[in-house]
Amino acid sequence: MSDEQKKVTLMQVISSVLAAMFGVQSAKNRERDFSKGEPWHYAVVGLIFTIIFILIVYGVVQLVISKAAH
């Protein structure tokens, strides 16, 4: 296998970050992430998903508050 085939793909990074957020990451995928993945890829994707999550929660709270005020 060449170095290019051993690298973790963007979809694998996204999948790993989502699994880690829910606490269901498999040992096989975790081992792959630590051995073949770049740490900053996971940090960037994790930060993006955290920001998206915060914005969704904020939006839901604002929607509930506006509905409760009427």
PDB file of N, CA and C in Angstrom:
ATOM      1  N   MET A   1       0.834  -1.190   0.000  1.00  0.00           N
ATOM      2  CA  MET A   1       0.000   0.000   0.000  1.00  0.00           C
ATOM      3  C   MET A   1       0.875   1.248   0.000  1.00  0.00           C
ATOM      4  N   SER A   2       0.499   2.230  -0.780  1.00  0.00           N
ATOM      5  CA  SER A   2       1.249   3.477  -0.799  1.00  0.00           C
ATOM      6  C   SER A   2       0.815   4.355   0.370  1.00  0.00           C
ATOM      7  N   ASP A   3       1.568   5.414   0.647  1.00  0.00           N
ATOM      8  CA  ASP A   3       1.236   6.329   1.730  1.00  0.00           C
ATOM      9  C   ASP A   3      -0.118   6.976   1.512  1.00  0.00           C
ATOM     10  N   GLU A   4      -0.463   7.242   0.249  1.00  0.00           N
ATOM     11  CA  GLU A   4      -1.732   7.911  -0.058  1.00  0.00           C
ATOM     12  C   GLU A   4      -2.913   7.025   0.324  1.00  0.00           C
ATOM     13  N   GLN A   5      -2.799   5.704   0.124  1.00  0.00           N
ATOM     14  CA  GLN A   5      -3.886   4.794   0.452  1.00  0.00           C
ATOM     15  C   GLN A   5      -4.015   4.601   1.960  1.00  0.00           C
ATOM     16  N   LYS A   6      -2.963   4.837   2.711  1.00  0.00           N
ATOM     17  CA  LYS A   6      -2.984   4.641   4.148  1.00  0.00           C
ATOM     18  C   LYS A   6      -3.584   5.825   4.895  1.00  0.00           C
ATOM     19  N   LYS A   7      -3.681   6.969   4.251  1.00  0.00           N
ATOM     20  CA  LYS A   7      -4.216   8.159   4.919  1.00  0.00           C
ATOM     21  C   LYS A   7      -5.710   8.022   5.154  1.00  0.00           C
ATOM     22  N   VAL A   8      -6.167   8.695   6.177  1.00  0.00           N
ATOM     23  CA  VAL A   8      -7.585   8.687   6.528  1.00  0.00           C
ATOM     24  C   VAL A   8      -8.303   9.693   5.642  1.00  0.00           C
ATOM     25  N   THR A   9      -9.459   9.292   5.093  1.00  0.00           N
ATOM     26  CA  THR A   9     -10.219  10.175   4.215  1.00  0.00           C
ATOM     27  C   THR A   9     -11.050  11.163   5.039  1.00  0.00           C
ATOM     28  N   LEU A  10     -11.537  12.196   4.374  1.00  0.00           N
ATOM     29  CA  LEU A  10     -12.368  13.201   5.042  1.00  0.00           C
ATOM     30  C   LEU A  10     -13.626  12.562   5.627  1.00  0.00           C
ATOM     31  N   MET A  11     -14.240  11.657   4.897  1.00  0.00           N
ATOM     32  CA  MET A  11     -15.451  10.993   5.397  1.00  0.00           C
ATOM     33  C   MET A  11     -15.140  10.146   6.628  1.00  0.00           C
ATOM     34  N   GLN A  12     -13.976   9.524   6.663  1.00  0.00           N
ATOM     35  CA  GLN A  12     -13.584   8.747   7.842  1.00  0.00           C
ATOM     36  C   GLN A  12     -13.353   9.665   9.037  1.00  0.00           C
ATOM     37  N   VAL A  13     -12.773  10.835   8.799  1.00  0.00           N
ATOM     38  CA  VAL A  13     -12.557  11.809   9.874  1.00  0.00           C
ATOM     39  C   VAL A  13     -13.909  12.282  10.409  1.00  0.00           C
ATOM     40  N   ILE A  14     -14.819  12.636   9.515  1.00  0.00           N
ATOM     41  CA  ILE A  14     -16.152  13.095   9.926  1.00  0.00           C
ATOM     42  C   ILE A  14     -16.862  11.998  10.710  1.00  0.00           C
ATOM     43  N   SER A  15     -16.808  10.781  10.209  1.00  0.00           N
ATOM     44  CA  SER A  15     -17.438   9.649  10.884  1.00  0.00           C
ATOM     45  C   SER A  15     -16.844   9.432  12.272  1.00  0.00           C
ATOM     46  N   SER A  16     -15.538   9.521  12.379  1.00  0.00           N
ATOM     47  CA  SER A  16     -14.871   9.327  13.663  1.00  0.00           C
ATOM     48  C   SER A  16     -15.235  10.433  14.652  1.00  0.00           C
ATOM     49  N   VAL A  17     -15.295  11.663  14.183  1.00  0.00           N
ATOM     50  CA  VAL A  17     -15.643  12.783  15.061  1.00  0.00           C
ATOM     51  C   VAL A  17     -17.082  12.640  15.550  1.00  0.00           C
ATOM     52  N   LEU A  18     -17.994  12.306  14.658  1.00  0.00           N
ATOM     53  CA  LEU A  18     -19.389  12.124  15.073  1.00  0.00           C
ATOM     54  C   LEU A  18     -19.526  10.964  16.050  1.00  0.00           C
ATOM     55  N   ALA A  19     -18.827   9.855  15.778  1.00  0.00           N
ATOM     56  CA  ALA A  19     -18.878   8.703  16.689  1.00  0.00           C
ATOM     57  C   ALA A  19     -18.304   9.076  18.047  1.00  0.00           C
ATOM     58  N   ALA A  20     -17.227   9.830  18.058  1.00  0.00           N
ATOM     59  CA  ALA A  20     -16.617  10.251  19.321  1.00  0.00           C
ATOM     60  C   ALA A  20     -17.538  11.192  20.091  1.00  0.00           C
ATOM     61  N   MET A  21     -18.259  12.048  19.391  1.00  0.00           N
ATOM     62  CA  MET A  21     -19.183  12.965  20.061  1.00  0.00           C
ATOM     63  C   MET A  21     -20.304  12.205  20.760  1.00  0.00           C
ATOM     64  N   PHE A  22     -20.710  11.073  20.175  1.00  0.00           N
ATOM     65  CA  PHE A  22     -21.751  10.254  20.785  1.00  0.00           C
ATOM     66  C   PHE A  22     -21.177   9.175  21.700  1.00  0.00           C
ATOM     67  N   GLY A  23     -19.848   9.016  21.711  1.00  0.00           N
ATOM     68  CA  GLY A  23     -19.198   8.041  22.584  1.00  0.00           C
ATOM     69  C   GLY A  23     -19.310   6.614  22.109  1.00  0.00           C
ATOM     70  N   VAL A  24     -19.404   6.406  20.802  1.00  0.00           N
ATOM     71  CA  VAL A  24     -19.580   5.052  20.268  1.00  0.00           C
ATOM     72  C   VAL A  24     -18.475   4.659  19.286  1.00  0.00           C
ATOM     73  N   GLN A  25     -17.319   5.240  19.403  1.00  0.00           N
ATOM     74  CA  GLN A  25     -16.206   4.951  18.493  1.00  0.00           C
ATOM     75  C   GLN A  25     -15.711   3.522  18.719  1.00  0.00           C
ATOM     76  N   SER A  26     -15.534   2.770  17.638  1.00  0.00           N
ATOM     77  CA  SER A  26     -15.029   1.406  17.760  1.00  0.00           C
ATOM     78  C   SER A  26     -13.522   1.424  17.996  1.00  0.00           C
ATOM     79  N   ALA A  27     -13.029   0.370  18.613  1.00  0.00           N
ATOM     80  CA  ALA A  27     -11.589   0.266  18.893  1.00  0.00           C
ATOM     81  C   ALA A  27     -10.791   0.226  17.595  1.00  0.00           C
ATOM     82  N   LYS A  28     -11.328  -0.429  16.585  1.00  0.00           N
ATOM     83  CA  LYS A  28     -10.647  -0.531  15.285  1.00  0.00           C
ATOM     84  C   LYS A  28     -10.488   0.850  14.651  1.00  0.00           C
ATOM     85  N   ASN A  29     -11.557   1.631  14.639  1.00  0.00           N
ATOM     86  CA  ASN A  29     -11.497   2.973  14.054  1.00  0.00           C
ATOM     87  C   ASN A  29     -10.632   3.909  14.878  1.00  0.00           C
ATOM     88  N   ARG A  30     -10.685   3.780  16.193  1.00  0.00           N
ATOM     89  CA  ARG A  30      -9.847   4.614  17.051  1.00  0.00           C
ATOM     90  C   ARG A  30      -8.369   4.325  16.796  1.00  0.00           C
ATOM     91  N   GLU A  31      -8.029   3.063  16.654  1.00  0.00           N
ATOM     92  CA  GLU A  31      -6.648   2.686  16.352  1.00  0.00           C
ATOM     93  C   GLU A  31      -6.220   3.247  14.994  1.00  0.00           C
ATOM     94  N   ARG A  32      -7.095   3.175  14.001  1.00  0.00           N
ATOM     95  CA  ARG A  32      -6.812   3.740  12.678  1.00  0.00           C
ATOM     96  C   ARG A  32      -6.582   5.240  12.768  1.00  0.00           C
ATOM     97  N   ASP A  33      -7.430   5.910  13.538  1.00  0.00           N
ATOM     98  CA  ASP A  33      -7.317   7.360  13.669  1.00  0.00           C
ATOM     99  C   ASP A  33      -5.990   7.772  14.294  1.00  0.00           C
ATOM    100  N   PHE A  34      -5.581   7.060  15.344  1.00  0.00           N
ATOM    101  CA  PHE A  34      -4.348   7.421  16.033  1.00  0.00           C
ATOM    102  C   PHE A  34      -3.104   7.034  15.252  1.00  0.00           C
ATOM    103  N   SER A  35      -3.197   5.994  14.428  1.00  0.00           N
ATOM    104  CA  SER A  35      -2.003   5.549  13.704  1.00  0.00           C
ATOM    105  C   SER A  35      -1.851   6.218  12.334  1.00  0.00           C
ATOM    106  N   LYS A  36      -2.958   6.563  11.684  1.00  0.00           N
ATOM    107  CA  LYS A  36      -2.874   7.077  10.314  1.00  0.00           C
ATOM    108  C   LYS A  36      -3.426   8.489  10.140  1.00  0.00           C
ATOM    109  N   GLY A  37      -4.123   8.998  11.125  1.00  0.00           N
ATOM    110  CA  GLY A  37      -4.763  10.308  10.984  1.00  0.00           C
ATOM    111  C   GLY A  37      -3.883  11.453  11.449  1.00  0.00           C
ATOM    112  N   GLU A  38      -4.167  12.621  10.921  1.00  0.00           N
ATOM    113  CA  GLU A  38      -3.492  13.851  11.337  1.00  0.00           C
ATOM    114  C   GLU A  38      -4.321  14.499  12.439  1.00  0.00           C
ATOM    115  N   PRO A  39      -3.730  14.787  13.592  1.00  0.00           N
ATOM    116  CA  PRO A  39      -4.498  15.346  14.716  1.00  0.00           C
ATOM    117  C   PRO A  39      -5.241  16.636  14.376  1.00  0.00           C
ATOM    118  N   TRP A  40      -4.643  17.498  13.567  1.00  0.00           N
ATOM    119  CA  TRP A  40      -5.301  18.775  13.281  1.00  0.00           C
ATOM    120  C   TRP A  40      -6.552  18.581  12.434  1.00  0.00           C
ATOM    121  N   HIS A  41      -6.633  17.505  11.634  1.00  0.00           N
ATOM    122  CA  HIS A  41      -7.855  17.230  10.873  1.00  0.00           C
ATOM    123  C   HIS A  41      -9.024  17.004  11.831  1.00  0.00           C
ATOM    124  N   TYR A  42      -8.772  16.196  12.857  1.00  0.00           N
ATOM    125  CA  TYR A  42      -9.821  15.889  13.823  1.00  0.00           C
ATOM    126  C   TYR A  42     -10.189  17.125  14.647  1.00  0.00           C
ATOM    127  N   ALA A  43      -9.195  17.936  14.972  1.00  0.00           N
ATOM    128  CA  ALA A  43      -9.452  19.154  15.738  1.00  0.00           C
ATOM    129  C   ALA A  43     -10.321  20.123  14.945  1.00  0.00           C
ATOM    130  N   VAL A  44     -10.015  20.309  13.667  1.00  0.00           N
ATOM    131  CA  VAL A  44     -10.779  21.238  12.831  1.00  0.00           C
ATOM    132  C   VAL A  44     -12.206  20.739  12.637  1.00  0.00           C
ATOM    133  N   VAL A  45     -12.362  19.459  12.297  1.00  0.00           N
ATOM    134  CA  VAL A  45     -13.707  18.905  12.088  1.00  0.00           C
ATOM    135  C   VAL A  45     -14.493  18.937  13.411  1.00  0.00           C
ATOM    136  N   GLY A  46     -13.832  18.603  14.514  1.00  0.00           N
ATOM    137  CA  GLY A  46     -14.494  18.659  15.820  1.00  0.00           C
ATOM    138  C   GLY A  46     -14.939  20.064  16.170  1.00  0.00           C
ATOM    139  N   LEU A  47     -14.107  21.049  15.892  1.00  0.00           N
ATOM    140  CA  LEU A  47     -14.464  22.448  16.150  1.00  0.00           C
ATOM    141  C   LEU A  47     -15.655  22.877  15.295  1.00  0.00           C
ATOM    142  N   ILE A  48     -15.641  22.513  14.031  1.00  0.00           N
ATOM    143  CA  ILE A  48     -16.751  22.857  13.132  1.00  0.00           C
ATOM    144  C   ILE A  48     -18.057  22.242  13.629  1.00  0.00           C
ATOM    145  N   PHE A  49     -18.029  20.956  13.987  1.00  0.00           N
ATOM    146  CA  PHE A  49     -19.246  20.304  14.464  1.00  0.00           C
ATOM    147  C   PHE A  49     -19.697  20.867  15.805  1.00  0.00           C
ATOM    148  N   THR A  50     -18.764  21.277  16.657  1.00  0.00           N
ATOM    149  CA  THR A  50     -19.130  21.892  17.932  1.00  0.00           C
ATOM    150  C   THR A  50     -19.830  23.222  17.700  1.00  0.00           C
ATOM    151  N   ILE A  51     -19.316  24.026  16.787  1.00  0.00           N
ATOM    152  CA  ILE A  51     -19.942  25.308  16.458  1.00  0.00           C
ATOM    153  C   ILE A  51     -21.331  25.085  15.875  1.00  0.00           C
ATOM    154  N   ILE A  52     -21.464  24.113  14.970  1.00  0.00           N
ATOM    155  CA  ILE A  52     -22.779  23.802  14.395  1.00  0.00           C
ATOM    156  C   ILE A  52     -23.753  23.376  15.481  1.00  0.00           C
ATOM    157  N   PHE A  53     -23.299  22.531  16.403  1.00  0.00           N
ATOM    158  CA  PHE A  53     -24.147  22.072  17.504  1.00  0.00           C
ATOM    159  C   PHE A  53     -24.610  23.245  18.371  1.00  0.00           C
ATOM    160  N   ILE A  54     -23.693  24.133  18.712  1.00  0.00           N
ATOM    161  CA  ILE A  54     -24.039  25.302  19.529  1.00  0.00           C
ATOM    162  C   ILE A  54     -25.054  26.186  18.804  1.00  0.00           C
ATOM    163  N   LEU A  55     -24.865  26.405  17.510  1.00  0.00           N
ATOM    164  CA  LEU A  55     -25.806  27.221  16.740  1.00  0.00           C
ATOM    165  C   LEU A  55     -27.181  26.579  16.664  1.00  0.00           C
ATOM    166  N   ILE A  56     -27.239  25.263  16.538  1.00  0.00           N
ATOM    167  CA  ILE A  56     -28.532  24.568  16.505  1.00  0.00           C
ATOM    168  C   ILE A  56     -29.237  24.706  17.851  1.00  0.00           C
ATOM    169  N   VAL A  57     -28.514  24.486  18.941  1.00  0.00           N
ATOM    170  CA  VAL A  57     -29.116  24.627  20.271  1.00  0.00           C
ATOM    171  C   VAL A  57     -29.594  26.061  20.484  1.00  0.00           C
ATOM    172  N   TYR A  58     -28.778  27.035  20.094  1.00  0.00           N
ATOM    173  CA  TYR A  58     -29.162  28.437  20.215  1.00  0.00           C
ATOM    174  C   TYR A  58     -30.439  28.716  19.414  1.00  0.00           C
ATOM    175  N   GLY A  59     -30.503  28.210  18.196  1.00  0.00           N
ATOM    176  CA  GLY A  59     -31.681  28.418  17.359  1.00  0.00           C
ATOM    177  C   GLY A  59     -32.933  27.801  17.955  1.00  0.00           C
ATOM    178  N   VAL A  60     -32.818  26.599  18.497  1.00  0.00           N
ATOM    179  CA  VAL A  60     -33.967  25.937  19.119  1.00  0.00           C
ATOM    180  C   VAL A  60     -34.429  26.722  20.347  1.00  0.00           C
ATOM    181  N   VAL A  61     -33.496  27.167  21.154  1.00  0.00           N
ATOM    182  CA  VAL A  61     -33.849  27.954  22.338  1.00  0.00           C
ATOM    183  C   VAL A  61     -34.550  29.245  21.933  1.00  0.00           C
ATOM    184  N   GLN A  62     -34.048  29.926  20.923  1.00  0.00           N
ATOM    185  CA  GLN A  62     -34.667  31.166  20.457  1.00  0.00           C
ATOM    186  C   GLN A  62     -36.075  30.892  19.923  1.00  0.00           C
ATOM    187  N   LEU A  63     -36.247  29.783  19.232  1.00  0.00           N
ATOM    188  CA  LEU A  63     -37.574  29.413  18.710  1.00  0.00           C
ATOM    189  C   LEU A  63     -38.542  29.140  19.846  1.00  0.00           C
ATOM    190  N   VAL A  64     -38.110  28.413  20.849  1.00  0.00           N
ATOM    191  CA  VAL A  64     -38.973  28.098  21.999  1.00  0.00           C
ATOM    192  C   VAL A  64     -39.333  29.375  22.759  1.00  0.00           C
ATOM    193  N   ILE A  65     -38.354  30.250  22.954  1.00  0.00           N
ATOM    194  CA  ILE A  65     -38.619  31.504  23.666  1.00  0.00           C
ATOM    195  C   ILE A  65     -39.609  32.368  22.899  1.00  0.00           C
ATOM    196  N   SER A  66     -39.441  32.446  21.578  1.00  0.00           N
ATOM    197  CA  SER A  66     -40.360  33.280  20.792  1.00  0.00           C
ATOM    198  C   SER A  66     -41.765  32.692  20.785  1.00  0.00           C
ATOM    199  N   LYS A  67     -41.899  31.378  20.765  1.00  0.00           N
ATOM    200  CA  LYS A  67     -43.222  30.741  20.805  1.00  0.00           C
ATOM    201  C   LYS A  67     -43.863  30.885  22.172  1.00  0.00           C
ATOM    202  N   ALA A  68     -43.053  30.859  23.222  1.00  0.00           N
ATOM    203  CA  ALA A  68     -43.587  30.972  24.589  1.00  0.00           C
ATOM    204  C   ALA A  68     -44.050  32.406  24.884  1.00  0.00           C
ATOM    205  N   ALA A  69     -43.455  33.377  24.204  1.00  0.00           N
ATOM    206  CA  ALA A  69     -43.800  34.777  24.437  1.00  0.00           C
ATOM    207  C   ALA A  69     -45.155  35.137  23.829  1.00  0.00           C
ATOM    208  N   HIS A  70     -45.601  34.371  22.877  1.00  0.00           N
ATOM    209  CA  HIS A  70     -46.880  34.692  22.208  1.00  0.00           C
ATOM    210  C   HIS A  70     -47.994  34.061  22.912  1.00  0.00           C
TER     211      HIS A  70
END
